[in-house]
Amino acid sequence: MIIGWIRLAFFLLIGLSIAYLATSIYSRSVRRERLEKRWVAEKREGDHDAWIEAGMRAYDRGLRRRLLWLIYIIPMVAFTAIFIFVNWGGL
């Protein structure tokens, strides 16, 4: 019985990793596109690529990037709670 739960958790982690990767790539591309549009709208001068990369580094350190970890945390907490409830009859 426990082996089935471990197998389910393993496949859940694989699915969550795929979801995290896809969401992360999409989020970065949206951020980069916003920076590109902002560069054009503000008619900036100087090194375009360096400005974009600085904006992406700021994004990597920001809250939005860290919130993507909730893709792992919320389902795993729910999985653990269900596992405990089913196997030991509640909390």
PDB file of N, CA and C in Angstrom:
ATOM      1  N   MET A   1       0.822  -1.190   0.000  1.00  0.00           N
ATOM      2  CA  MET A   1       0.000   0.000   0.000  1.00  0.00           C
ATOM      3  C   MET A   1       0.869   1.258   0.000  1.00  0.00           C
ATOM      4  N   ILE A   2       1.897   1.254   0.816  1.00  0.00           N
ATOM      5  CA  ILE A   2       2.798   2.415   0.878  1.00  0.00           C
ATOM      6  C   ILE A   2       3.528   2.583  -0.453  1.00  0.00           C
ATOM      7  N   ILE A   3       3.882   1.474  -1.094  1.00  0.00           N
ATOM      8  CA  ILE A   3       4.579   1.556  -2.383  1.00  0.00           C
ATOM      9  C   ILE A   3       3.724   2.292  -3.409  1.00  0.00           C
ATOM     10  N   GLY A   4       2.419   2.056  -3.377  1.00  0.00           N
ATOM     11  CA  GLY A   4       1.516   2.761  -4.292  1.00  0.00           C
ATOM     12  C   GLY A   4       1.528   4.265  -4.050  1.00  0.00           C
ATOM     13  N   TRP A   5       1.561   4.675  -2.784  1.00  0.00           N
ATOM     14  CA  TRP A   5       1.616   6.099  -2.452  1.00  0.00           C
ATOM     15  C   TRP A   5       2.944   6.715  -2.898  1.00  0.00           C
ATOM     16  N   ILE A   6       4.026   5.957  -2.716  1.00  0.00           N
ATOM     17  CA  ILE A   6       5.341   6.465  -3.138  1.00  0.00           C
ATOM     18  C   ILE A   6       5.376   6.623  -4.659  1.00  0.00           C
ATOM     19  N   ARG A   7       4.827   5.656  -5.369  1.00  0.00           N
ATOM     20  CA  ARG A   7       4.765   5.740  -6.831  1.00  0.00           C
ATOM     21  C   ARG A   7       3.923   6.945  -7.259  1.00  0.00           C
ATOM     22  N   LEU A   8       2.795   7.139  -6.589  1.00  0.00           N
ATOM     23  CA  LEU A   8       1.940   8.287  -6.899  1.00  0.00           C
ATOM     24  C   LEU A   8       2.676   9.599  -6.637  1.00  0.00           C
ATOM     25  N   ALA A   9       3.399   9.678  -5.522  1.00  0.00           N
ATOM     26  CA  ALA A   9       4.164  10.883  -5.205  1.00  0.00           C
ATOM     27  C   ALA A   9       5.247  11.131  -6.253  1.00  0.00           C
ATOM     28  N   PHE A  10       5.900  10.073  -6.700  1.00  0.00           N
ATOM     29  CA  PHE A  10       6.931  10.199  -7.725  1.00  0.00           C
ATOM     30  C   PHE A  10       6.362  10.792  -9.011  1.00  0.00           C
ATOM     31  N   PHE A  11       5.241  10.243  -9.474  1.00  0.00           N
ATOM     32  CA  PHE A  11       4.632  10.761 -10.698  1.00  0.00           C
ATOM     33  C   PHE A  11       4.060  12.163 -10.500  1.00  0.00           C
ATOM     34  N   LEU A  12       3.602  12.456  -9.292  1.00  0.00           N
ATOM     35  CA  LEU A  12       3.146  13.809  -8.978  1.00  0.00           C
ATOM     36  C   LEU A  12       4.307  14.793  -9.096  1.00  0.00           C
ATOM     37  N   LEU A  13       5.468  14.424  -8.574  1.00  0.00           N
ATOM     38  CA  LEU A  13       6.643  15.293  -8.679  1.00  0.00           C
ATOM     39  C   LEU A  13       7.074  15.497 -10.132  1.00  0.00           C
ATOM     40  N   ILE A  14       6.982  14.455 -10.929  1.00  0.00           N
ATOM     41  CA  ILE A  14       7.313  14.600 -12.354  1.00  0.00           C
ATOM     42  C   ILE A  14       6.340  15.571 -13.018  1.00  0.00           C
ATOM     43  N   GLY A  15       5.051  15.395 -12.755  1.00  0.00           N
ATOM     44  CA  GLY A  15       4.045  16.300 -13.323  1.00  0.00           C
ATOM     45  C   GLY A  15       4.222  17.732 -12.848  1.00  0.00           C
ATOM     46  N   LEU A  16       4.520  17.897 -11.563  1.00  0.00           N
ATOM     47  CA  LEU A  16       4.728  19.242 -11.025  1.00  0.00           C
ATOM     48  C   LEU A  16       5.983  19.881 -11.604  1.00  0.00           C
ATOM     49  N   SER A  17       7.007  19.073 -11.848  1.00  0.00           N
ATOM     50  CA  SER A  17       8.235  19.605 -12.448  1.00  0.00           C
ATOM     51  C   SER A  17       7.977  20.096 -13.866  1.00  0.00           C
ATOM     52  N   ILE A  18       7.191  19.351 -14.618  1.00  0.00           N
ATOM     53  CA  ILE A  18       6.835  19.781 -15.973  1.00  0.00           C
ATOM     54  C   ILE A  18       6.020  21.068 -15.918  1.00  0.00           C
ATOM     55  N   ALA A  19       5.057  21.131 -14.991  1.00  0.00           N
ATOM     56  CA  ALA A  19       4.245  22.345 -14.845  1.00  0.00           C
ATOM     57  C   ALA A  19       5.105  23.532 -14.425  1.00  0.00           C
ATOM     58  N   TYR A  20       6.048  23.307 -13.499  1.00  0.00           N
ATOM     59  CA  TYR A  20       6.932  24.378 -13.043  1.00  0.00           C
ATOM     60  C   TYR A  20       7.796  24.887 -14.195  1.00  0.00           C
ATOM     61  N   LEU A  21       8.377  23.971 -14.950  1.00  0.00           N
ATOM     62  CA  LEU A  21       9.228  24.365 -16.066  1.00  0.00           C
ATOM     63  C   LEU A  21       8.459  25.157 -17.106  1.00  0.00           C
ATOM     64  N   ALA A  22       7.279  24.668 -17.475  1.00  0.00           N
ATOM     65  CA  ALA A  22       6.468  25.361 -18.484  1.00  0.00           C
ATOM     66  C   ALA A  22       6.050  26.746 -17.998  1.00  0.00           C
ATOM     67  N   THR A  23       5.626  26.839 -16.751  1.00  0.00           N
ATOM     68  CA  THR A  23       5.205  28.128 -16.197  1.00  0.00           C
ATOM     69  C   THR A  23       6.383  29.080 -16.077  1.00  0.00           C
ATOM     70  N   SER A  24       7.532  28.555 -15.683  1.00  0.00           N
ATOM     71  CA  SER A  24       8.719  29.385 -15.549  1.00  0.00           C
ATOM     72  C   SER A  24       9.155  29.952 -16.900  1.00  0.00           C
ATOM     73  N   ILE A  25       9.179  29.126 -17.908  1.00  0.00           N
ATOM     74  CA  ILE A  25       9.571  29.581 -19.249  1.00  0.00           C
ATOM     75  C   ILE A  25       8.578  30.622 -19.761  1.00  0.00           C
ATOM     76  N   TYR A  26       7.296  30.356 -19.574  1.00  0.00           N
ATOM     77  CA  TYR A  26       6.273  31.308 -20.016  1.00  0.00           C
ATOM     78  C   TYR A  26       6.403  32.633 -19.276  1.00  0.00           C
ATOM     79  N   SER A  27       6.598  32.575 -17.970  1.00  0.00           N
ATOM     80  CA  SER A  27       6.698  33.787 -17.161  1.00  0.00           C
ATOM     81  C   SER A  27       7.905  34.628 -17.567  1.00  0.00           C
ATOM     82  N   ARG A  28       9.040  33.968 -17.808  1.00  0.00           N
ATOM     83  CA  ARG A  28      10.236  34.698 -18.241  1.00  0.00           C
ATOM     84  C   ARG A  28      10.020  35.353 -19.606  1.00  0.00           C
ATOM     85  N   SER A  29       9.342  34.640 -20.509  1.00  0.00           N
ATOM     86  CA  SER A  29       9.128  35.215 -21.841  1.00  0.00           C
ATOM     87  C   SER A  29       8.186  36.414 -21.776  1.00  0.00           C
ATOM     88  N   VAL A  30       7.173  36.344 -20.908  1.00  0.00           N
ATOM     89  CA  VAL A  30       6.260  37.479 -20.743  1.00  0.00           C
ATOM     90  C   VAL A  30       7.014  38.672 -20.160  1.00  0.00           C
ATOM     91  N   ARG A  31       7.877  38.417 -19.180  1.00  0.00           N
ATOM     92  CA  ARG A  31       8.650  39.504 -18.568  1.00  0.00           C
ATOM     93  C   ARG A  31       9.592  40.145 -19.583  1.00  0.00           C
ATOM     94  N   ARG A  32      10.260  39.299 -20.367  1.00  0.00           N
ATOM     95  CA  ARG A  32      11.175  39.832 -21.387  1.00  0.00           C
ATOM     96  C   ARG A  32      10.419  40.660 -22.416  1.00  0.00           C
ATOM     97  N   GLU A  33       9.236  40.201 -22.807  1.00  0.00           N
ATOM     98  CA  GLU A  33       8.424  40.944 -23.770  1.00  0.00           C
ATOM     99  C   GLU A  33       8.012  42.302 -23.202  1.00  0.00           C
ATOM    100  N   ARG A  34       7.648  42.335 -21.929  1.00  0.00           N
ATOM    101  CA  ARG A  34       7.289  43.618 -21.291  1.00  0.00           C
ATOM    102  C   ARG A  34       8.465  44.578 -21.291  1.00  0.00           C
ATOM    103  N   LEU A  35       9.651  44.043 -21.000  1.00  0.00           N
ATOM    104  CA  LEU A  35      10.841  44.891 -21.014  1.00  0.00           C
ATOM    105  C   LEU A  35      11.117  45.420 -22.416  1.00  0.00           C
ATOM    106  N   GLU A  36      10.940  44.584 -23.421  1.00  0.00           N
ATOM    107  CA  GLU A  36      11.136  45.023 -24.812  1.00  0.00           C
ATOM    108  C   GLU A  36      10.165  46.149 -25.166  1.00  0.00           C
ATOM    109  N   LYS A  37       8.901  45.967 -24.796  1.00  0.00           N
ATOM    110  CA  LYS A  37       7.890  46.994 -25.094  1.00  0.00           C
ATOM    111  C   LYS A  37       8.181  48.284 -24.337  1.00  0.00           C
ATOM    112  N   ARG A  38       8.648  48.143 -23.103  1.00  0.00           N
ATOM    113  CA  ARG A  38       8.974  49.338 -22.319  1.00  0.00           C
ATOM    114  C   ARG A  38      10.151  50.094 -22.936  1.00  0.00           C
ATOM    115  N   TRP A  39      11.133  49.361 -23.443  1.00  0.00           N
ATOM    116  CA  TRP A  39      12.288  49.986 -24.094  1.00  0.00           C
ATOM    117  C   TRP A  39      11.829  50.835 -25.279  1.00  0.00           C
ATOM    118  N   VAL A  40      10.923  50.264 -26.076  1.00  0.00           N
ATOM    119  CA  VAL A  40      10.427  50.969 -27.261  1.00  0.00           C
ATOM    120  C   VAL A  40       9.554  52.156 -26.846  1.00  0.00           C
ATOM    121  N   ALA A  41       8.673  51.956 -25.872  1.00  0.00           N
ATOM    122  CA  ALA A  41       7.744  53.013 -25.458  1.00  0.00           C
ATOM    123  C   ALA A  41       8.475  54.210 -24.844  1.00  0.00           C
ATOM    124  N   GLU A  42       9.527  53.944 -24.093  1.00  0.00           N
ATOM    125  CA  GLU A  42      10.257  55.035 -23.446  1.00  0.00           C
ATOM    126  C   GLU A  42      11.348  55.615 -24.334  1.00  0.00           C
ATOM    127  N   LYS A  43      11.525  55.029 -25.508  1.00  0.00           N
ATOM    128  CA  LYS A  43      12.538  55.485 -26.475  1.00  0.00           C
ATOM    129  C   LYS A  43      13.897  55.653 -25.809  1.00  0.00           C
ATOM    130  N   ARG A  44      14.309  54.624 -25.114  1.00  0.00           N
ATOM    131  CA  ARG A  44      15.584  54.642 -24.404  1.00  0.00           C
ATOM    132  C   ARG A  44      16.753  54.613 -25.380  1.00  0.00           C
ATOM    133  N   GLU A  45      17.862  55.079 -24.892  1.00  0.00           N
ATOM    134  CA  GLU A  45      19.090  55.010 -25.677  1.00  0.00           C
ATOM    135  C   GLU A  45      20.128  54.272 -24.853  1.00  0.00           C
ATOM    136  N   GLY A  46      21.075  53.684 -25.525  1.00  0.00           N
ATOM    137  CA  GLY A  46      22.119  52.941 -24.818  1.00  0.00           C
ATOM    138  C   GLY A  46      22.110  51.482 -25.242  1.00  0.00           C
ATOM    139  N   ASP A  47      22.669  50.656 -24.401  1.00  0.00           N
ATOM    140  CA  ASP A  47      22.804  49.235 -24.709  1.00  0.00           C
ATOM    141  C   ASP A  47      21.502  48.497 -24.382  1.00  0.00           C
ATOM    142  N   HIS A  48      20.801  48.140 -25.416  1.00  0.00           N
ATOM    143  CA  HIS A  48      19.502  47.470 -25.314  1.00  0.00           C
ATOM    144  C   HIS A  48      19.626  46.127 -24.585  1.00  0.00           C
ATOM    145  N   ASP A  49      20.567  45.296 -25.009  1.00  0.00           N
ATOM    146  CA  ASP A  49      20.714  43.958 -24.438  1.00  0.00           C
ATOM    147  C   ASP A  49      21.099  44.008 -22.959  1.00  0.00           C
ATOM    148  N   ALA A  50      21.973  44.922 -22.592  1.00  0.00           N
ATOM    149  CA  ALA A  50      22.382  45.037 -21.190  1.00  0.00           C
ATOM    150  C   ALA A  50      21.207  45.475 -20.319  1.00  0.00           C
ATOM    151  N   TRP A  51      20.376  46.366 -20.831  1.00  0.00           N
ATOM    152  CA  TRP A  51      19.209  46.829 -20.068  1.00  0.00           C
ATOM    153  C   TRP A  51      18.205  45.701 -19.871  1.00  0.00           C
ATOM    154  N   ILE A  52      17.985  44.922 -20.921  1.00  0.00           N
ATOM    155  CA  ILE A  52      17.067  43.785 -20.833  1.00  0.00           C
ATOM    156  C   ILE A  52      17.606  42.758 -19.834  1.00  0.00           C
ATOM    157  N   GLU A  53      18.885  42.454 -19.918  1.00  0.00           N
ATOM    158  CA  GLU A  53      19.473  41.473 -19.000  1.00  0.00           C
ATOM    159  C   GLU A  53      19.427  41.954 -17.554  1.00  0.00           C
ATOM    160  N   ALA A  54      19.606  43.242 -17.325  1.00  0.00           N
ATOM    161  CA  ALA A  54      19.491  43.788 -15.971  1.00  0.00           C
ATOM    162  C   ALA A  54      18.056  43.634 -15.458  1.00  0.00           C
ATOM    163  N   GLY A  55      17.099  43.868 -16.335  1.00  0.00           N
ATOM    164  CA  GLY A  55      15.701  43.685 -15.959  1.00  0.00           C
ATOM    165  C   GLY A  55      15.378  42.236 -15.655  1.00  0.00           C
ATOM    166  N   MET A  56      15.964  41.313 -16.409  1.00  0.00           N
ATOM    167  CA  MET A  56      15.733  39.890 -16.167  1.00  0.00           C
ATOM    168  C   MET A  56      16.403  39.426 -14.881  1.00  0.00           C
ATOM    169  N   ARG A  57      17.573  39.986 -14.563  1.00  0.00           N
ATOM    170  CA  ARG A  57      18.218  39.652 -13.277  1.00  0.00           C
ATOM    171  C   ARG A  57      17.373  40.132 -12.112  1.00  0.00           C
ATOM    172  N   ALA A  58      16.779  41.312 -12.261  1.00  0.00           N
ATOM    173  CA  ALA A  58      15.887  41.830 -11.213  1.00  0.00           C
ATOM    174  C   ALA A  58      14.660  40.936 -11.079  1.00  0.00           C
ATOM    175  N   TYR A  59      14.152  40.440 -12.195  1.00  0.00           N
ATOM    176  CA  TYR A  59      13.006  39.530 -12.165  1.00  0.00           C
ATOM    177  C   TYR A  59      13.366  38.226 -11.444  1.00  0.00           C
ATOM    178  N   ASP A  60      14.561  37.700 -11.711  1.00  0.00           N
ATOM    179  CA  ASP A  60      14.995  36.446 -11.084  1.00  0.00           C
ATOM    180  C   ASP A  60      15.098  36.564  -9.567  1.00  0.00           C
ATOM    181  N   ARG A  61      15.376  37.746  -9.060  1.00  0.00           N
ATOM    182  CA  ARG A  61      15.464  37.955  -7.609  1.00  0.00           C
ATOM    183  C   ARG A  61      14.139  38.387  -7.005  1.00  0.00           C
ATOM    184  N   GLY A  62      13.130  38.609  -7.819  1.00  0.00           N
ATOM    185  CA  GLY A  62      11.864  39.162  -7.356  1.00  0.00           C
ATOM    186  C   GLY A  62      10.901  38.143  -6.770  1.00  0.00           C
ATOM    187  N   LEU A  63       9.815  38.678  -6.246  1.00  0.00           N
ATOM    188  CA  LEU A  63       8.792  37.872  -5.587  1.00  0.00           C
ATOM    189  C   LEU A  63       8.046  36.975  -6.562  1.00  0.00           C
ATOM    190  N   ARG A  64       7.736  37.473  -7.733  1.00  0.00           N
ATOM    191  CA  ARG A  64       6.974  36.672  -8.701  1.00  0.00           C
ATOM    192  C   ARG A  64       7.696  35.375  -9.038  1.00  0.00           C
ATOM    193  N   ARG A  65       8.983  35.442  -9.202  1.00  0.00           N
ATOM    194  CA  ARG A  65       9.779  34.254  -9.516  1.00  0.00           C
ATOM    195  C   ARG A  65       9.726  33.264  -8.353  1.00  0.00           C
ATOM    196  N   ARG A  66       9.791  33.768  -7.138  1.00  0.00           N
ATOM    197  CA  ARG A  66       9.756  32.895  -5.959  1.00  0.00           C
ATOM    198  C   ARG A  66       8.380  32.280  -5.740  1.00  0.00           C
ATOM    199  N   LEU A  67       7.335  32.970  -6.150  1.00  0.00           N
ATOM    200  CA  LEU A  67       5.989  32.432  -5.981  1.00  0.00           C
ATOM    201  C   LEU A  67       5.743  31.202  -6.855  1.00  0.00           C
ATOM    202  N   LEU A  68       6.553  31.029  -7.876  1.00  0.00           N
ATOM    203  CA  LEU A  68       6.403  29.843  -8.716  1.00  0.00           C
ATOM    204  C   LEU A  68       6.656  28.556  -7.938  1.00  0.00           C
ATOM    205  N   TRP A  69       7.393  28.641  -6.824  1.00  0.00           N
ATOM    206  CA  TRP A  69       7.636  27.457  -6.007  1.00  0.00           C
ATOM    207  C   TRP A  69       6.348  26.927  -5.383  1.00  0.00           C
ATOM    208  N   LEU A  70       5.307  27.748  -5.358  1.00  0.00           N
ATOM    209  CA  LEU A  70       4.022  27.276  -4.843  1.00  0.00           C
ATOM    210  C   LEU A  70       3.438  26.168  -5.718  1.00  0.00           C
ATOM    211  N   ILE A  71       3.914  26.068  -6.952  1.00  0.00           N
ATOM    212  CA  ILE A  71       3.493  24.980  -7.830  1.00  0.00           C
ATOM    213  C   ILE A  71       3.883  23.641  -7.208  1.00  0.00           C
ATOM    214  N   TYR A  72       4.991  23.596  -6.496  1.00  0.00           N
ATOM    215  CA  TYR A  72       5.402  22.382  -5.786  1.00  0.00           C
ATOM    216  C   TYR A  72       4.757  22.287  -4.404  1.00  0.00           C
ATOM    217  N   ILE A  73       4.775  23.379  -3.684  1.00  0.00           N
ATOM    218  CA  ILE A  73       4.416  23.347  -2.262  1.00  0.00           C
ATOM    219  C   ILE A  73       2.951  22.990  -2.031  1.00  0.00           C
ATOM    220  N   ILE A  74       2.037  23.670  -2.692  1.00  0.00           N
ATOM    221  CA  ILE A  74       0.603  23.464  -2.426  1.00  0.00           C
ATOM    222  C   ILE A  74       0.157  22.032  -2.739  1.00  0.00           C
ATOM    223  N   PRO A  75       0.457  21.480  -3.922  1.00  0.00           N
ATOM    224  CA  PRO A  75       0.027  20.100  -4.171  1.00  0.00           C
ATOM    225  C   PRO A  75       0.693  19.067  -3.249  1.00  0.00           C
ATOM    226  N   MET A  76       1.962  19.280  -2.899  1.00  0.00           N
ATOM    227  CA  MET A  76       2.629  18.321  -2.027  1.00  0.00           C
ATOM    228  C   MET A  76       2.077  18.371  -0.608  1.00  0.00           C
ATOM    229  N   VAL A  77       1.712  19.552  -0.125  1.00  0.00           N
ATOM    230  CA  VAL A  77       1.080  19.649   1.194  1.00  0.00           C
ATOM    231  C   VAL A  77      -0.281  18.959   1.158  1.00  0.00           C
ATOM    232  N   ALA A  78      -1.028  19.173   0.083  1.00  0.00           N
ATOM    233  CA  ALA A  78      -2.331  18.511  -0.048  1.00  0.00           C
ATOM    234  C   ALA A  78      -2.153  16.998  -0.140  1.00  0.00           C
ATOM    235  N   PHE A  79      -1.181  16.539  -0.904  1.00  0.00           N
ATOM    236  CA  PHE A  79      -0.907  15.110  -1.026  1.00  0.00           C
ATOM    237  C   PHE A  79      -0.556  14.510   0.339  1.00  0.00           C
ATOM    238  N   THR A  80       0.289  15.181   1.085  1.00  0.00           N
ATOM    239  CA  THR A  80       0.684  14.689   2.406  1.00  0.00           C
ATOM    240  C   THR A  80      -0.507  14.641   3.351  1.00  0.00           C
ATOM    241  N   ALA A  81      -1.331  15.664   3.318  1.00  0.00           N
ATOM    242  CA  ALA A  81      -2.519  15.688   4.183  1.00  0.00           C
ATOM    243  C   ALA A  81      -3.471  14.542   3.830  1.00  0.00           C
ATOM    244  N   ILE A  82      -3.683  14.310   2.562  1.00  0.00           N
ATOM    245  CA  ILE A  82      -4.554  13.207   2.134  1.00  0.00           C
ATOM    246  C   ILE A  82      -3.945  11.867   2.536  1.00  0.00           C
ATOM    247  N   PHE A  83      -2.646  11.722   2.357  1.00  0.00           N
ATOM    248  CA  PHE A  83      -1.953  10.494   2.735  1.00  0.00           C
ATOM    249  C   PHE A  83      -2.137  10.202   4.222  1.00  0.00           C
ATOM    250  N   ILE A  84      -1.938  11.202   5.058  1.00  0.00           N
ATOM    251  CA  ILE A  84      -2.094  11.021   6.510  1.00  0.00           C
ATOM    252  C   ILE A  84      -3.544  10.713   6.851  1.00  0.00           C
ATOM    253  N   PHE A  85      -4.465  11.426   6.266  1.00  0.00           N
ATOM    254  CA  PHE A  85      -5.885  11.227   6.568  1.00  0.00           C
ATOM    255  C   PHE A  85      -6.357   9.826   6.179  1.00  0.00           C
ATOM    256  N   VAL A  86      -5.941   9.373   4.997  1.00  0.00           N
ATOM    257  CA  VAL A  86      -6.382   8.058   4.513  1.00  0.00           C
ATOM    258  C   VAL A  86      -5.748   6.939   5.338  1.00  0.00           C
ATOM    259  N   ASN A  87      -4.475   7.059   5.665  1.00  0.00           N
ATOM    260  CA  ASN A  87      -3.779   5.966   6.341  1.00  0.00           C
ATOM    261  C   ASN A  87      -3.970   5.943   7.858  1.00  0.00           C
ATOM    262  N   TRP A  88      -4.131   7.056   8.484  1.00  0.00           N
ATOM    263  CA  TRP A  88      -4.220   7.081   9.938  1.00  0.00           C
ATOM    264  C   TRP A  88      -5.526   7.657  10.465  1.00  0.00           C
ATOM    265  N   GLY A  89      -6.498   7.859   9.614  1.00  0.00           N
ATOM    266  CA  GLY A  89      -7.833   8.240  10.036  1.00  0.00           C
ATOM    267  C   GLY A  89      -7.991   9.664  10.517  1.00  0.00           C
ATOM    268  N   GLY A  90      -7.170  10.539  10.117  1.00  0.00           N
ATOM    269  CA  GLY A  90      -7.332  11.954  10.478  1.00  0.00           C
ATOM    270  C   GLY A  90      -6.119  12.516  11.188  1.00  0.00           C
ATOM    271  N   LEU A  91      -6.207  13.773  11.483  1.00  0.00           N
ATOM    272  CA  LEU A  91      -5.080  14.442  12.121  1.00  0.00           C
ATOM    273  C   LEU A  91      -5.157  14.405  13.588  1.00  0.00           C
TER     274      LEU A  91
END
